[in-house]
Amino acid sequence: MRMLGPIIMRITAVFLYSAMAVIGGASLIAPEIPAHQAAMLAGISAAAHVIEKLARAYADDGKITLEELNAAFNPSAIDHHHDEE
């Protein structure tokens, strides 16, 4: 449980940097979509992807190693679960 605080902070960071990356692009590509809605969609989607990776790692063996934790937050990490499907 001591990792819960840092995990929540890292998920918040993923949400924020994903949302911020979309604000400018959304205003250029689809100005009819409010920037805050595009940012919320991007942030929620990115955070959900990280949470899914953490849930998959936990489902494997009932624990999350530091390696699995760091891989969940690394967008370039290979997802071996999707390779098996």
N, C-alpha and C. Protein backbone atom coordinates (compact mmCIF):
# COMPACT_ATOMS: atom_id res chain seq x y z
N MET A 1 0.81 -1.20 0.00
CA MET A 1 0.00 0.00 0.00
C MET A 1 0.85 1.27 0.00
N ARG A 2 2.13 1.16 0.35
CA ARG A 2 2.96 2.36 0.38
C ARG A 2 3.22 2.90 -1.02
N MET A 3 2.95 2.09 -2.04
CA MET A 3 3.14 2.53 -3.42
C MET A 3 1.91 3.23 -3.96
N LEU A 4 0.79 3.20 -3.25
CA LEU A 4 -0.46 3.76 -3.76
C LEU A 4 -0.35 5.26 -4.05
N GLY A 5 0.23 6.01 -3.16
CA GLY A 5 0.38 7.46 -3.36
C GLY A 5 1.18 7.79 -4.62
N PRO A 6 2.39 7.21 -4.77
CA PRO A 6 3.15 7.48 -5.99
C PRO A 6 2.45 6.99 -7.26
N ILE A 7 1.72 5.90 -7.18
CA ILE A 7 0.99 5.40 -8.36
C ILE A 7 -0.09 6.40 -8.76
N ILE A 8 -0.84 6.90 -7.79
CA ILE A 8 -1.89 7.88 -8.09
C ILE A 8 -1.28 9.15 -8.67
N MET A 9 -0.15 9.59 -8.13
CA MET A 9 0.51 10.78 -8.65
C MET A 9 1.00 10.56 -10.09
N ARG A 10 1.51 9.37 -10.37
CA ARG A 10 1.99 9.08 -11.72
C ARG A 10 0.82 8.99 -12.70
N ILE A 11 -0.30 8.42 -12.28
CA ILE A 11 -1.48 8.38 -13.15
C ILE A 11 -1.97 9.79 -13.42
N THR A 12 -1.95 10.64 -12.40
CA THR A 12 -2.34 12.04 -12.59
C THR A 12 -1.41 12.73 -13.59
N ALA A 13 -0.12 12.44 -13.50
CA ALA A 13 0.83 13.03 -14.44
C ALA A 13 0.56 12.57 -15.87
N VAL A 14 0.24 11.27 -16.04
CA VAL A 14 -0.10 10.75 -17.38
C VAL A 14 -1.33 11.47 -17.91
N PHE A 15 -2.33 11.62 -17.05
CA PHE A 15 -3.55 12.33 -17.45
C PHE A 15 -3.21 13.74 -17.92
N LEU A 16 -2.43 14.45 -17.13
CA LEU A 16 -2.13 15.85 -17.44
C LEU A 16 -1.30 16.00 -18.71
N TYR A 17 -0.24 15.22 -18.86
CA TYR A 17 0.57 15.42 -20.06
C TYR A 17 -0.14 14.96 -21.32
N SER A 18 -1.01 13.98 -21.20
CA SER A 18 -1.80 13.55 -22.37
C SER A 18 -2.84 14.60 -22.73
N ALA A 19 -3.47 15.16 -21.71
CA ALA A 19 -4.48 16.20 -21.96
C ALA A 19 -3.85 17.44 -22.55
N MET A 20 -2.71 17.86 -22.02
CA MET A 20 -2.06 19.06 -22.51
C MET A 20 -1.59 18.90 -23.95
N ALA A 21 -1.17 17.71 -24.31
CA ALA A 21 -0.69 17.47 -25.67
C ALA A 21 -1.80 17.60 -26.70
N VAL A 22 -3.03 17.38 -26.30
CA VAL A 22 -4.16 17.38 -27.22
C VAL A 22 -4.78 18.77 -27.39
N ILE A 23 -4.65 19.61 -26.42
CA ILE A 23 -5.36 20.90 -26.44
C ILE A 23 -5.05 21.69 -27.71
N GLY A 24 -3.81 21.88 -28.03
CA GLY A 24 -3.45 22.65 -29.22
C GLY A 24 -3.89 21.98 -30.51
N GLY A 25 -3.66 20.69 -30.61
CA GLY A 25 -4.03 19.96 -31.82
C GLY A 25 -5.53 19.95 -32.04
N ALA A 26 -6.28 19.79 -31.00
CA ALA A 26 -7.74 19.74 -31.13
C ALA A 26 -8.28 21.08 -31.62
N SER A 27 -7.70 22.15 -31.17
CA SER A 27 -8.19 23.46 -31.60
C SER A 27 -7.88 23.72 -33.07
N LEU A 28 -6.82 23.12 -33.58
CA LEU A 28 -6.47 23.29 -34.99
C LEU A 28 -7.25 22.34 -35.89
N ILE A 29 -7.39 21.10 -35.47
CA ILE A 29 -8.01 20.08 -36.31
C ILE A 29 -9.53 20.16 -36.29
N ALA A 30 -10.10 20.32 -35.11
CA ALA A 30 -11.56 20.34 -34.97
C ALA A 30 -11.97 21.48 -34.04
N PRO A 31 -11.99 22.69 -34.54
CA PRO A 31 -12.30 23.82 -33.65
C PRO A 31 -13.71 23.77 -33.06
N GLU A 32 -14.60 22.96 -33.64
CA GLU A 32 -15.95 22.86 -33.09
C GLU A 32 -15.99 22.03 -31.79
N ILE A 33 -14.93 21.26 -31.53
CA ILE A 33 -14.85 20.49 -30.28
C ILE A 33 -14.17 21.37 -29.24
N PRO A 34 -14.84 21.62 -28.12
CA PRO A 34 -14.21 22.43 -27.08
C PRO A 34 -12.89 21.80 -26.61
N ALA A 35 -11.89 22.62 -26.41
CA ALA A 35 -10.56 22.14 -26.02
C ALA A 35 -10.61 21.34 -24.72
N HIS A 36 -11.43 21.77 -23.77
CA HIS A 36 -11.49 21.06 -22.49
C HIS A 36 -12.07 19.65 -22.66
N GLN A 37 -13.00 19.48 -23.58
CA GLN A 37 -13.55 18.15 -23.82
C GLN A 37 -12.53 17.24 -24.49
N ALA A 38 -11.79 17.77 -25.45
CA ALA A 38 -10.74 16.98 -26.10
C ALA A 38 -9.65 16.60 -25.10
N ALA A 39 -9.29 17.53 -24.22
CA ALA A 39 -8.27 17.26 -23.21
C ALA A 39 -8.74 16.19 -22.23
N MET A 40 -10.00 16.29 -21.79
CA MET A 40 -10.55 15.27 -20.88
C MET A 40 -10.54 13.89 -21.53
N LEU A 41 -10.94 13.82 -22.77
CA LEU A 41 -10.95 12.53 -23.48
C LEU A 41 -9.55 11.94 -23.57
N ALA A 42 -8.58 12.77 -23.94
CA ALA A 42 -7.20 12.28 -24.05
C ALA A 42 -6.66 11.85 -22.69
N GLY A 43 -6.89 12.64 -21.66
CA GLY A 43 -6.39 12.31 -20.33
C GLY A 43 -7.01 11.06 -19.76
N ILE A 44 -8.32 10.93 -19.89
CA ILE A 44 -9.00 9.74 -19.39
C ILE A 44 -8.55 8.51 -20.14
N SER A 45 -8.41 8.61 -21.44
CA SER A 45 -7.97 7.48 -22.25
C SER A 45 -6.56 7.02 -21.85
N ALA A 46 -5.64 7.96 -21.67
CA ALA A 46 -4.28 7.62 -21.30
C ALA A 46 -4.22 7.00 -19.90
N ALA A 47 -4.95 7.58 -18.96
CA ALA A 47 -4.97 7.05 -17.59
C ALA A 47 -5.59 5.65 -17.57
N ALA A 48 -6.65 5.45 -18.34
CA ALA A 48 -7.29 4.13 -18.39
C ALA A 48 -6.34 3.09 -18.96
N HIS A 49 -5.53 3.47 -19.93
CA HIS A 49 -4.56 2.54 -20.52
C HIS A 49 -3.53 2.09 -19.47
N VAL A 50 -3.05 3.03 -18.67
CA VAL A 50 -2.09 2.69 -17.61
C VAL A 50 -2.76 1.80 -16.56
N ILE A 51 -3.97 2.14 -16.16
CA ILE A 51 -4.69 1.33 -15.16
C ILE A 51 -4.93 -0.08 -15.69
N GLU A 52 -5.25 -0.19 -16.98
CA GLU A 52 -5.43 -1.53 -17.58
C GLU A 52 -4.14 -2.34 -17.49
N LYS A 53 -2.99 -1.72 -17.81
CA LYS A 53 -1.72 -2.43 -17.73
C LYS A 53 -1.43 -2.90 -16.30
N LEU A 54 -1.72 -2.03 -15.32
CA LEU A 54 -1.50 -2.41 -13.92
C LEU A 54 -2.43 -3.55 -13.51
N ALA A 55 -3.68 -3.50 -13.96
CA ALA A 55 -4.63 -4.57 -13.62
C ALA A 55 -4.21 -5.89 -14.24
N ARG A 56 -3.72 -5.85 -15.47
CA ARG A 56 -3.24 -7.08 -16.12
C ARG A 56 -2.05 -7.67 -15.37
N ALA A 57 -1.13 -6.80 -14.95
CA ALA A 57 0.04 -7.27 -14.21
C ALA A 57 -0.38 -7.89 -12.88
N TYR A 58 -1.34 -7.27 -12.22
CA TYR A 58 -1.82 -7.80 -10.93
C TYR A 58 -2.57 -9.12 -11.13
N ALA A 59 -3.33 -9.21 -12.19
CA ALA A 59 -4.11 -10.43 -12.45
C ALA A 59 -3.21 -11.63 -12.72
N ASP A 60 -2.03 -11.39 -13.25
CA ASP A 60 -1.11 -12.49 -13.56
C ASP A 60 -0.73 -13.30 -12.33
N ASP A 61 -0.34 -12.61 -11.24
CA ASP A 61 0.16 -13.34 -10.08
C ASP A 61 -0.23 -12.72 -8.73
N GLY A 62 -1.11 -11.74 -8.76
CA GLY A 62 -1.57 -11.13 -7.51
C GLY A 62 -0.62 -10.11 -6.92
N LYS A 63 0.36 -9.68 -7.69
CA LYS A 63 1.27 -8.64 -7.21
C LYS A 63 1.76 -7.84 -8.40
N ILE A 64 2.27 -6.66 -8.11
CA ILE A 64 2.83 -5.80 -9.15
C ILE A 64 4.28 -5.51 -8.76
N THR A 65 5.20 -5.97 -9.59
CA THR A 65 6.62 -5.72 -9.33
C THR A 65 6.96 -4.29 -9.77
N LEU A 66 8.10 -3.81 -9.30
CA LEU A 66 8.56 -2.48 -9.69
C LEU A 66 8.76 -2.42 -11.21
N GLU A 67 9.25 -3.49 -11.79
CA GLU A 67 9.43 -3.54 -13.25
C GLU A 67 8.09 -3.42 -13.98
N GLU A 68 7.07 -4.14 -13.50
CA GLU A 68 5.74 -4.06 -14.10
C GLU A 68 5.15 -2.67 -13.93
N LEU A 69 5.38 -2.08 -12.76
CA LEU A 69 4.87 -0.74 -12.48
C LEU A 69 5.49 0.27 -13.44
N ASN A 70 6.80 0.23 -13.57
CA ASN A 70 7.47 1.17 -14.47
C ASN A 70 7.08 0.92 -15.92
N ALA A 71 6.90 -0.33 -16.32
CA ALA A 71 6.50 -0.65 -17.69
C ALA A 71 5.10 -0.10 -18.00
N ALA A 72 4.22 -0.11 -17.02
CA ALA A 72 2.85 0.39 -17.23
C ALA A 72 2.85 1.87 -17.56
N PHE A 73 3.83 2.61 -17.05
CA PHE A 73 3.89 4.05 -17.29
C PHE A 73 4.77 4.41 -18.48
N ASN A 74 5.38 3.42 -19.09
CA ASN A 74 6.27 3.66 -20.23
C ASN A 74 5.50 3.42 -21.52
N PRO A 75 5.19 4.46 -22.26
CA PRO A 75 4.38 4.28 -23.48
C PRO A 75 5.07 3.44 -24.54
N SER A 76 6.39 3.31 -24.49
CA SER A 76 7.08 2.52 -25.49
C SER A 76 7.35 1.09 -25.04
N ALA A 77 6.90 0.73 -23.84
CA ALA A 77 7.10 -0.63 -23.35
C ALA A 77 6.27 -1.62 -24.16
N ILE A 78 6.84 -2.76 -24.39
CA ILE A 78 6.14 -3.81 -25.14
C ILE A 78 5.11 -4.45 -24.23
N ASP A 79 3.89 -4.57 -24.72
CA ASP A 79 2.81 -5.21 -23.97
C ASP A 79 2.71 -6.66 -24.44
N HIS A 80 3.29 -7.57 -23.66
CA HIS A 80 3.32 -8.98 -24.06
C HIS A 80 1.94 -9.62 -24.04
N HIS A 81 1.01 -9.07 -23.27
CA HIS A 81 -0.34 -9.64 -23.22
C HIS A 81 -1.04 -9.50 -24.55
N HIS A 82 -0.84 -8.38 -25.22
CA HIS A 82 -1.51 -8.18 -26.50
C HIS A 82 -0.84 -8.98 -27.60
N ASP A 83 0.43 -9.35 -27.43
CA ASP A 83 1.13 -10.17 -28.41
C ASP A 83 0.56 -11.59 -28.44
N GLU A 84 0.06 -12.05 -27.29
CA GLU A 84 -0.45 -13.41 -27.18
C GLU A 84 -1.82 -13.55 -27.82
N GLU A 85 -2.55 -12.47 -27.95
CA GLU A 85 -3.93 -12.54 -28.46
C GLU A 85 -3.96 -12.68 -29.95
